[in-house]
Amino acid sequence: MKYFISILTLFLSFQAAAAFGQQAAFDRATTLLEEQEYMEAIDHYNKIQQEGDLSGALWLNLGVAYVQLDSLGKAKYYMLKAAEYDETEALAEEALERIENQFSRRSAVLPMLPWDRFFNLLDHYFGSTGLMVIGLLLLNITSGLLLAAWFRPGYKQPLKKLSYASALLTCLFIFFSIFLSLQNSWYDTGVTVEDQATVYDRADINSAVVSTAYEGYTMRVYTSEKAPDTDGEWYYVRLENGLYGWVDQEAILTY
């Protein structure tokens, strides 16, 4: 037992040392940011990112650094990532509004379809995992209602009706969970980080030009679509104006 406790204590001390080291690295990067050493701060933040210590504060500070470097496409990208964390959501959204006002060109945006809006809300508030948990809880409730109907003949009809309603909700929540999980594997969100990126009809610079995506444009990147054997790497995208095409991967960042 003493040996086990000593091993556990040693493990926890290593964990504490690692956490202290990560915090020290983050503090050093933040100090560089405050001293206006923006590129050095970015290098330090990127090292933290590579080590897997991700947080809203990390993305927010990277966004701030790129704002100061006038690299607004990258600033928008990191602020969008920071907005996914509760602790930095408000600050990131405020920063995004200011960044958007600095872009010289803005993309035409098609209104979001009702079902896209619906699934985005489900993803934001529950996520695929949360929906699956609710579905499994409803499945247990359905089973309980069926058992209750079996053992309580006097309440059989109302209990069976409740079980049918619960079963329907179970199927819906599990379906929504699976659909969201698949949807999240189908595509990512991309942000143009170069001054402009040409959108081609095919993954070939000699093909017809569909449109131009300027810095800060956001788009849907279809991860399941792979370009045929061509020179360079390509993303198949849907722009906010509804046009589809191929873009050089170096022109955009995805998340």
Foldseek 3Di string as FASTA:
>chain_A
DVVVVVVVVVVVVVVVVVVVVLVVLLVVLVVCVVVLVLVVSLVSLVVSVVVVVDALVSLQSNLVSVVVVVQLLSSLVSLVVSLLHPVCVVVSVVVNVVSVVPDPDDDDADDDDPVVVVLVVCCSPQNLVSLLVVLVVLVVVLVVLCVCLVVPVVCNVVSPVVSVVSNVSSVVSNVSSVVRVVVVLFWWKKFFRAQKWWFAAAPDPPGHTDDIHGGGFMWIWGPVDAHDDDPAGWTWTQGSVGDTGITGPVRIDTD
